[in-house]
Amino acid sequence: MHGEVIHGPDRWAVVLPVKVLMSAKTRLLPFGDPARPELALAFVQDVLSALGAAESVAQVTVVTDDASVQQAATAAHHLWAPEAPHRGLNDAALFGASSTPPHLGIAIVAGDLPCLTGEVVDLVLRSAGVYERTFIADAQGVGTTMLMSHTLSGCTPAFGERSRAHHVARGYIELGLSETAPERHLLAPAHRDVDTQVDLWDAIRIGVGPATAAALRRNRQP
């Protein structure tokens, strides 16, 4: 059904794979900088808040071995599961998706989207209902920030280097290419992942969530 318009699910199960924070975001700040895991956790907290505010999200499962992230998931009233032994983003994502009820669509969402809001999540998932398998590319147009499938059997994540090209090759439809200028502006938070200081500056320009804003104030980041 590549490219064929259909009516998909109205409600979605979201999987959020998150690596242990001490080894996360090494391009953002030096390895020994205590602000690095704090910011990484703040990004996750803002994503969890956005997912909780989205009407189209029926459940959220965070897959992680990080105790701070597990606590954040619990505080946000979301589910969590340990990553081990499902190492790596793709295996962790599939593990998290494996218990999705059959009436729900599946969305795999990156944990480093600090500008994300419930409104943006709903916009993406409404658009994802039109095609069997869809994705949102990152701001650089190389990676993937959100990957959606109407069914578990159709969920074949290929996150990692050049994931945008891999997902296109697997038959996923890229969202955000044909929208109007106002819609593209609304979708900007879904594209804006943060790996570097330049990414962080751009996220601040777009508008970060409260957890990230508080972490930046504490650490006097730009």
C-alpha atoms as a PDB file:
ATOM      1  CA  MET A   1       0.000   0.000   0.000  1.00  0.00           C
ATOM      2  CA  HIS A   2       2.965   2.282  -0.616  1.00  0.00           C
ATOM      3  CA  GLY A   3       1.676   5.821  -1.041  1.00  0.00           C
ATOM      4  CA  GLU A   4      -2.008   4.825  -0.915  1.00  0.00           C
ATOM      5  CA  VAL A   5      -4.218   7.053   1.229  1.00  0.00           C
ATOM      6  CA  ILE A   6      -6.111   5.107   3.909  1.00  0.00           C
ATOM      7  CA  HIS A   7      -7.852   5.789   7.192  1.00  0.00           C
ATOM      8  CA  GLY A   8      -5.574   4.766  10.008  1.00  0.00           C
ATOM      9  CA  PRO A   9      -5.856   4.667  13.793  1.00  0.00           C
ATOM     10  CA  ASP A  10      -7.152   7.616  15.763  1.00  0.00           C
ATOM     11  CA  ARG A  11      -5.177   6.632  18.863  1.00  0.00           C
ATOM     12  CA  TRP A  12      -1.542   5.671  19.204  1.00  0.00           C
ATOM     13  CA  ALA A  13       0.867   3.866  21.489  1.00  0.00           C
ATOM     14  CA  VAL A  14       4.164   5.719  21.715  1.00  0.00           C
ATOM     15  CA  VAL A  15       7.508   4.073  22.412  1.00  0.00           C
ATOM     16  CA  LEU A  16      10.354   6.222  23.697  1.00  0.00           C
ATOM     17  CA  PRO A  17      13.732   4.424  23.690  1.00  0.00           C
ATOM     18  CA  VAL A  18      16.284   6.250  25.856  1.00  0.00           C
ATOM     19  CA  LYS A  19      19.892   5.243  26.427  1.00  0.00           C
ATOM     20  CA  VAL A  20      21.593   5.576  29.815  1.00  0.00           C
ATOM     21  CA  LEU A  21      22.069   9.306  30.302  1.00  0.00           C
ATOM     22  CA  MET A  22      25.711   9.161  31.389  1.00  0.00           C
ATOM     23  CA  SER A  23      26.585   8.053  27.850  1.00  0.00           C
ATOM     24  CA  ALA A  24      24.093  10.316  26.061  1.00  0.00           C
ATOM     25  CA  LYS A  25      24.657  13.593  24.184  1.00  0.00           C
ATOM     26  CA  THR A  26      28.441  13.433  24.071  1.00  0.00           C
ATOM     27  CA  ARG A  27      28.486  15.900  21.154  1.00  0.00           C
ATOM     28  CA  LEU A  28      26.497  18.437  23.152  1.00  0.00           C
ATOM     29  CA  LEU A  29      28.848  18.837  26.115  1.00  0.00           C
ATOM     30  CA  PRO A  30      32.101  17.203  27.299  1.00  0.00           C
ATOM     31  CA  PHE A  31      31.801  13.769  28.849  1.00  0.00           C
ATOM     32  CA  GLY A  32      32.623  14.949  32.382  1.00  0.00           C
ATOM     33  CA  ASP A  33      30.278  17.954  32.361  1.00  0.00           C
ATOM     34  CA  PRO A  34      27.453  17.294  34.866  1.00  0.00           C
ATOM     35  CA  ALA A  35      25.134  19.509  32.815  1.00  0.00           C
ATOM     36  CA  ARG A  36      25.155  16.974  29.965  1.00  0.00           C
ATOM     37  CA  PRO A  37      23.072  14.193  31.610  1.00  0.00           C
ATOM     38  CA  GLU A  38      20.935  16.841  33.302  1.00  0.00           C
ATOM     39  CA  LEU A  39      20.044  18.384  29.954  1.00  0.00           C
ATOM     40  CA  ALA A  40      19.484  14.964  28.385  1.00  0.00           C
ATOM     41  CA  LEU A  41      17.028  14.129  31.170  1.00  0.00           C
ATOM     42  CA  ALA A  42      15.289  17.496  30.732  1.00  0.00           C
ATOM     43  CA  PHE A  43      14.818  16.782  27.016  1.00  0.00           C
ATOM     44  CA  VAL A  44      13.147  13.471  27.900  1.00  0.00           C
ATOM     45  CA  GLN A  45      10.929  15.128  30.508  1.00  0.00           C
ATOM     46  CA  ASP A  46       9.697  17.674  27.984  1.00  0.00           C
ATOM     47  CA  VAL A  47       8.970  14.942  25.441  1.00  0.00           C
ATOM     48  CA  LEU A  48       7.028  13.004  28.083  1.00  0.00           C
ATOM     49  CA  SER A  49       5.032  16.123  28.943  1.00  0.00           C
ATOM     50  CA  ALA A  50       4.182  16.696  25.280  1.00  0.00           C
ATOM     51  CA  LEU A  51       3.076  13.096  24.818  1.00  0.00           C
ATOM     52  CA  GLY A  52       0.936  13.321  27.940  1.00  0.00           C
ATOM     53  CA  ALA A  53      -0.766  16.427  26.571  1.00  0.00           C
ATOM     54  CA  ALA A  54      -1.565  14.881  23.178  1.00  0.00           C
ATOM     55  CA  GLU A  55      -5.155  13.692  22.761  1.00  0.00           C
ATOM     56  CA  SER A  56      -4.145  11.129  20.146  1.00  0.00           C
ATOM     57  CA  VAL A  57      -1.735   9.297  22.484  1.00  0.00           C
ATOM     58  CA  ALA A  58      -3.323   6.400  24.353  1.00  0.00           C
ATOM     59  CA  GLN A  59      -0.221   5.066  26.079  1.00  0.00           C
ATOM     60  CA  VAL A  60       3.492   5.772  26.364  1.00  0.00           C
ATOM     61  CA  THR A  61       6.187   3.202  27.085  1.00  0.00           C
ATOM     62  CA  VAL A  62       9.713   4.365  27.867  1.00  0.00           C
ATOM     63  CA  VAL A  63      12.360   1.699  27.255  1.00  0.00           C
ATOM     64  CA  THR A  64      15.474   2.474  29.268  1.00  0.00           C
ATOM     65  CA  ASP A  65      17.930   1.191  31.834  1.00  0.00           C
ATOM     66  CA  ASP A  66      18.477   4.664  33.274  1.00  0.00           C
ATOM     67  CA  ALA A  67      16.978   5.008  36.762  1.00  0.00           C
ATOM     68  CA  SER A  68      16.423   8.775  36.396  1.00  0.00           C
ATOM     69  CA  VAL A  69      14.486   8.284  33.177  1.00  0.00           C
ATOM     70  CA  GLN A  70      12.452   5.477  34.740  1.00  0.00           C
ATOM     71  CA  GLN A  71      11.565   7.826  37.597  1.00  0.00           C
ATOM     72  CA  ALA A  72      10.622  10.558  35.118  1.00  0.00           C
ATOM     73  CA  ALA A  73       8.335   8.138  33.266  1.00  0.00           C
ATOM     74  CA  THR A  74       6.641   7.141  36.514  1.00  0.00           C
ATOM     75  CA  ALA A  75       6.246  10.781  37.574  1.00  0.00           C
ATOM     76  CA  ALA A  76       4.580  11.530  34.220  1.00  0.00           C
ATOM     77  CA  HIS A  77       2.229   8.532  34.685  1.00  0.00           C
ATOM     78  CA  HIS A  78       3.714   6.638  31.752  1.00  0.00           C
ATOM     79  CA  LEU A  79       4.876   3.034  31.501  1.00  0.00           C
ATOM     80  CA  TRP A  80       8.506   2.003  31.365  1.00  0.00           C
ATOM     81  CA  ALA A  81      10.421  -1.179  30.636  1.00  0.00           C
ATOM     82  CA  PRO A  82      14.120  -2.029  30.988  1.00  0.00           C
ATOM     83  CA  GLU A  83      16.187  -1.903  27.826  1.00  0.00           C
ATOM     84  CA  ALA A  84      18.374  -4.903  28.666  1.00  0.00           C
ATOM     85  CA  PRO A  85      18.776  -7.267  26.932  1.00  0.00           C
ATOM     86  CA  HIS A  86      17.244  -5.375  23.989  1.00  0.00           C
ATOM     87  CA  ARG A  87      20.341  -3.264  23.339  1.00  0.00           C
ATOM     88  CA  GLY A  88      20.300  -0.497  20.803  1.00  0.00           C
ATOM     89  CA  LEU A  89      17.603   1.911  19.758  1.00  0.00           C
ATOM     90  CA  ASN A  90      15.938  -0.302  17.161  1.00  0.00           C
ATOM     91  CA  ASP A  91      15.770  -3.431  19.321  1.00  0.00           C
ATOM     92  CA  ALA A  92      14.571  -1.362  22.288  1.00  0.00           C
ATOM     93  CA  ALA A  93      11.907   0.296  20.153  1.00  0.00           C
ATOM     94  CA  LEU A  94      10.585  -3.016  18.852  1.00  0.00           C
ATOM     95  CA  PHE A  95      10.567  -4.442  22.363  1.00  0.00           C
ATOM     96  CA  GLY A  96       8.553  -1.487  23.604  1.00  0.00           C
ATOM     97  CA  ALA A  97       6.148  -1.806  20.683  1.00  0.00           C
ATOM     98  CA  SER A  98       5.666  -5.553  21.121  1.00  0.00           C
ATOM     99  CA  SER A  99       2.899  -5.207  23.714  1.00  0.00           C
ATOM    100  CA  THR A 100       0.883  -2.598  21.798  1.00  0.00           C
ATOM    101  CA  PRO A 101      -2.868  -3.376  21.710  1.00  0.00           C
ATOM    102  CA  PRO A 102      -3.928  -4.181  18.125  1.00  0.00           C
ATOM    103  CA  HIS A 103      -6.324  -1.234  17.832  1.00  0.00           C
ATOM    104  CA  LEU A 104      -3.567   1.323  18.440  1.00  0.00           C
ATOM    105  CA  GLY A 105      -1.056   2.676  15.962  1.00  0.00           C
ATOM    106  CA  ILE A 106       2.612   2.618  16.911  1.00  0.00           C
ATOM    107  CA  ALA A 107       4.825   5.697  17.067  1.00  0.00           C
ATOM    108  CA  ILE A 108       8.501   5.612  17.976  1.00  0.00           C
ATOM    109  CA  VAL A 109       9.630   9.020  19.200  1.00  0.00           C
ATOM    110  CA  ALA A 110      13.122  10.324  19.921  1.00  0.00           C
ATOM    111  CA  GLY A 111      13.835  11.487  23.449  1.00  0.00           C
ATOM    112  CA  ASP A 112      15.720  14.634  22.439  1.00  0.00           C
ATOM    113  CA  LEU A 113      12.915  16.841  21.119  1.00  0.00           C
ATOM    114  CA  PRO A 114      12.714  19.558  23.804  1.00  0.00           C
ATOM    115  CA  CYS A 115      10.464  21.817  21.694  1.00  0.00           C
ATOM    116  CA  LEU A 116       7.769  19.174  21.238  1.00  0.00           C
ATOM    117  CA  THR A 117       4.209  19.989  22.384  1.00  0.00           C
ATOM    118  CA  GLY A 118       0.980  18.059  22.583  1.00  0.00           C
ATOM    119  CA  GLU A 119      -0.399  20.104  19.698  1.00  0.00           C
ATOM    120  CA  VAL A 120       2.537  19.141  17.491  1.00  0.00           C
ATOM    121  CA  VAL A 121       2.263  15.463  18.441  1.00  0.00           C
ATOM    122  CA  ASP A 122      -1.433  15.477  17.516  1.00  0.00           C
ATOM    123  CA  LEU A 123      -0.677  17.171  14.202  1.00  0.00           C
ATOM    124  CA  VAL A 124       1.939  14.556  13.317  1.00  0.00           C
ATOM    125  CA  LEU A 125      -0.219  11.599  14.338  1.00  0.00           C
ATOM    126  CA  ARG A 126      -3.254  12.912  12.463  1.00  0.00           C
ATOM    127  CA  SER A 127      -1.090  13.126   9.359  1.00  0.00           C
ATOM    128  CA  ALA A 128       0.302   9.660  10.058  1.00  0.00           C
ATOM    129  CA  GLY A 129      -3.210   8.210   9.941  1.00  0.00           C
ATOM    130  CA  VAL A 130      -3.320   8.827   6.197  1.00  0.00           C
ATOM    131  CA  TYR A 131      -0.578   6.351   5.222  1.00  0.00           C
ATOM    132  CA  GLU A 132       0.339   2.913   6.524  1.00  0.00           C
ATOM    133  CA  ARG A 133       3.889   3.873   7.527  1.00  0.00           C
ATOM    134  CA  THR A 134       5.292   7.369   7.921  1.00  0.00           C
ATOM    135  CA  PHE A 135       8.142   9.307   9.505  1.00  0.00           C
ATOM    136  CA  ILE A 136       9.389  12.769  10.409  1.00  0.00           C
ATOM    137  CA  ALA A 137      12.952  13.625   9.398  1.00  0.00           C
ATOM    138  CA  ASP A 138      15.286  15.559  11.655  1.00  0.00           C
ATOM    139  CA  ALA A 139      16.117  19.205  11.001  1.00  0.00           C
ATOM    140  CA  GLN A 140      19.263  18.232   9.072  1.00  0.00           C
ATOM    141  CA  GLY A 141      17.242  16.025   6.737  1.00  0.00           C
ATOM    142  CA  VAL A 142      19.462  13.030   7.458  1.00  0.00           C
ATOM    143  CA  GLY A 143      18.002  11.300  10.510  1.00  0.00           C
ATOM    144  CA  THR A 144      14.556  10.462  11.875  1.00  0.00           C
ATOM    145  CA  THR A 145      12.794  11.879  14.930  1.00  0.00           C
ATOM    146  CA  MET A 146       9.395  10.110  14.760  1.00  0.00           C
ATOM    147  CA  LEU A 147       8.448   6.846  13.042  1.00  0.00           C
ATOM    148  CA  MET A 148       4.818   5.707  12.739  1.00  0.00           C
ATOM    149  CA  SER A 149       3.193   2.441  11.692  1.00  0.00           C
ATOM    150  CA  HIS A 150      -0.467   1.413  11.784  1.00  0.00           C
ATOM    151  CA  THR A 151       0.472  -2.149  12.783  1.00  0.00           C
ATOM    152  CA  LEU A 152       3.184  -3.940  14.719  1.00  0.00           C
ATOM    153  CA  SER A 153       3.998  -6.104  11.695  1.00  0.00           C
ATOM    154  CA  GLY A 154       4.700  -2.981   9.663  1.00  0.00           C
ATOM    155  CA  CYS A 155       7.003  -1.478  12.286  1.00  0.00           C
ATOM    156  CA  THR A 156      10.563  -1.877  10.967  1.00  0.00           C
ATOM    157  CA  PRO A 157      12.716   0.866  12.529  1.00  0.00           C
ATOM    158  CA  ALA A 158      16.120   1.652  11.056  1.00  0.00           C
ATOM    159  CA  PHE A 159      17.358   4.400  13.351  1.00  0.00           C
ATOM    160  CA  GLY A 160      21.038   5.240  13.204  1.00  0.00           C
ATOM    161  CA  GLU A 161      23.278   6.724  10.543  1.00  0.00           C
ATOM    162  CA  ARG A 162      21.311   8.030   7.525  1.00  0.00           C
ATOM    163  CA  SER A 163      18.049   6.714   8.957  1.00  0.00           C
ATOM    164  CA  ARG A 164      15.960   8.992   6.755  1.00  0.00           C
ATOM    165  CA  ALA A 165      17.265   7.259   3.628  1.00  0.00           C
ATOM    166  CA  HIS A 166      16.833   3.832   5.219  1.00  0.00           C
ATOM    167  CA  HIS A 167      13.220   4.536   6.143  1.00  0.00           C
ATOM    168  CA  VAL A 168      12.426   5.832   2.653  1.00  0.00           C
ATOM    169  CA  ALA A 169      13.966   2.654   1.219  1.00  0.00           C
ATOM    170  CA  ARG A 170      11.726   0.584   3.493  1.00  0.00           C
ATOM    171  CA  GLY A 171       8.617   2.264   2.111  1.00  0.00           C
ATOM    172  CA  TYR A 172       7.894   4.845   4.794  1.00  0.00           C
ATOM    173  CA  ILE A 173       6.268   8.093   3.631  1.00  0.00           C
ATOM    174  CA  GLU A 174       7.965  11.268   4.828  1.00  0.00           C
ATOM    175  CA  LEU A 175       5.604  13.764   6.445  1.00  0.00           C
ATOM    176  CA  GLY A 176       6.063  17.514   6.301  1.00  0.00           C
ATOM    177  CA  LEU A 177       7.021  17.840   2.640  1.00  0.00           C
ATOM    178  CA  SER A 178       3.739  19.087   1.164  1.00  0.00           C
ATOM    179  CA  GLU A 179       2.247  21.073   4.047  1.00  0.00           C
ATOM    180  CA  THR A 180       1.561  24.798   3.833  1.00  0.00           C
ATOM    181  CA  ALA A 181       4.055  27.269   5.296  1.00  0.00           C
ATOM    182  CA  PRO A 182       2.052  27.664   8.559  1.00  0.00           C
ATOM    183  CA  GLU A 183       1.880  23.873   8.959  1.00  0.00           C
ATOM    184  CA  ARG A 184       5.610  23.543   8.305  1.00  0.00           C
ATOM    185  CA  HIS A 185       6.183  26.154  11.003  1.00  0.00           C
ATOM    186  CA  LEU A 186       4.027  24.147  13.417  1.00  0.00           C
ATOM    187  CA  LEU A 187       6.004  20.995  12.626  1.00  0.00           C
ATOM    188  CA  ALA A 188       9.391  22.584  13.379  1.00  0.00           C
ATOM    189  CA  PRO A 189       9.466  21.240  16.981  1.00  0.00           C
ATOM    190  CA  ALA A 190       9.046  17.684  15.672  1.00  0.00           C
ATOM    191  CA  HIS A 191      12.114  18.051  13.448  1.00  0.00           C
ATOM    192  CA  ARG A 192      14.363  19.738  16.008  1.00  0.00           C
ATOM    193  CA  ASP A 193      16.363  17.092  17.831  1.00  0.00           C
ATOM    194  CA  VAL A 194      19.363  18.264  19.845  1.00  0.00           C
ATOM    195  CA  ASP A 195      22.805  16.721  19.483  1.00  0.00           C
ATOM    196  CA  THR A 196      25.101  19.759  19.355  1.00  0.00           C
ATOM    197  CA  GLN A 197      25.355  23.284  20.719  1.00  0.00           C
ATOM    198  CA  VAL A 198      24.094  24.638  17.390  1.00  0.00           C
ATOM    199  CA  ASP A 199      21.055  22.366  17.666  1.00  0.00           C
ATOM    200  CA  LEU A 200      20.468  23.618  21.191  1.00  0.00           C
ATOM    201  CA  TRP A 201      20.650  27.238  20.073  1.00  0.00           C
ATOM    202  CA  ASP A 202      18.071  26.524  17.371  1.00  0.00           C
ATOM    203  CA  ALA A 203      15.822  24.713  19.869  1.00  0.00           C
ATOM    204  CA  ILE A 204      15.967  27.762  22.158  1.00  0.00           C
ATOM    205  CA  ARG A 205      14.995  29.925  19.161  1.00  0.00           C
ATOM    206  CA  ILE A 206      11.969  27.696  18.485  1.00  0.00           C
ATOM    207  CA  GLY A 207      11.054  27.459  22.162  1.00  0.00           C
ATOM    208  CA  VAL A 208      12.001  24.672  24.569  1.00  0.00           C
ATOM    209  CA  GLY A 209       9.785  23.069  27.182  1.00  0.00           C
ATOM    210  CA  PRO A 210       9.839  23.966  30.881  1.00  0.00           C
ATOM    211  CA  ALA A 211      12.192  21.193  32.012  1.00  0.00           C
ATOM    212  CA  THR A 212      14.823  22.146  29.440  1.00  0.00           C
ATOM    213  CA  ALA A 213      14.391  25.847  30.170  1.00  0.00           C
ATOM    214  CA  ALA A 214      14.937  25.211  33.882  1.00  0.00           C
ATOM    215  CA  ALA A 215      18.022  23.074  33.234  1.00  0.00           C
ATOM    216  CA  LEU A 216      19.469  25.783  31.007  1.00  0.00           C
ATOM    217  CA  ARG A 217      18.922  28.397  33.691  1.00  0.00           C
ATOM    218  CA  ARG A 218      20.599  26.201  36.288  1.00  0.00           C
ATOM    219  CA  ASN A 219      23.599  25.575  34.072  1.00  0.00           C
ATOM    220  CA  ARG A 220      23.723  28.982  32.387  1.00  0.00           C
ATOM    221  CA  GLN A 221      23.670  27.479  28.928  1.00  0.00           C
ATOM    222  CA  PRO A 222      23.066  29.879  26.021  1.00  0.00           C
END
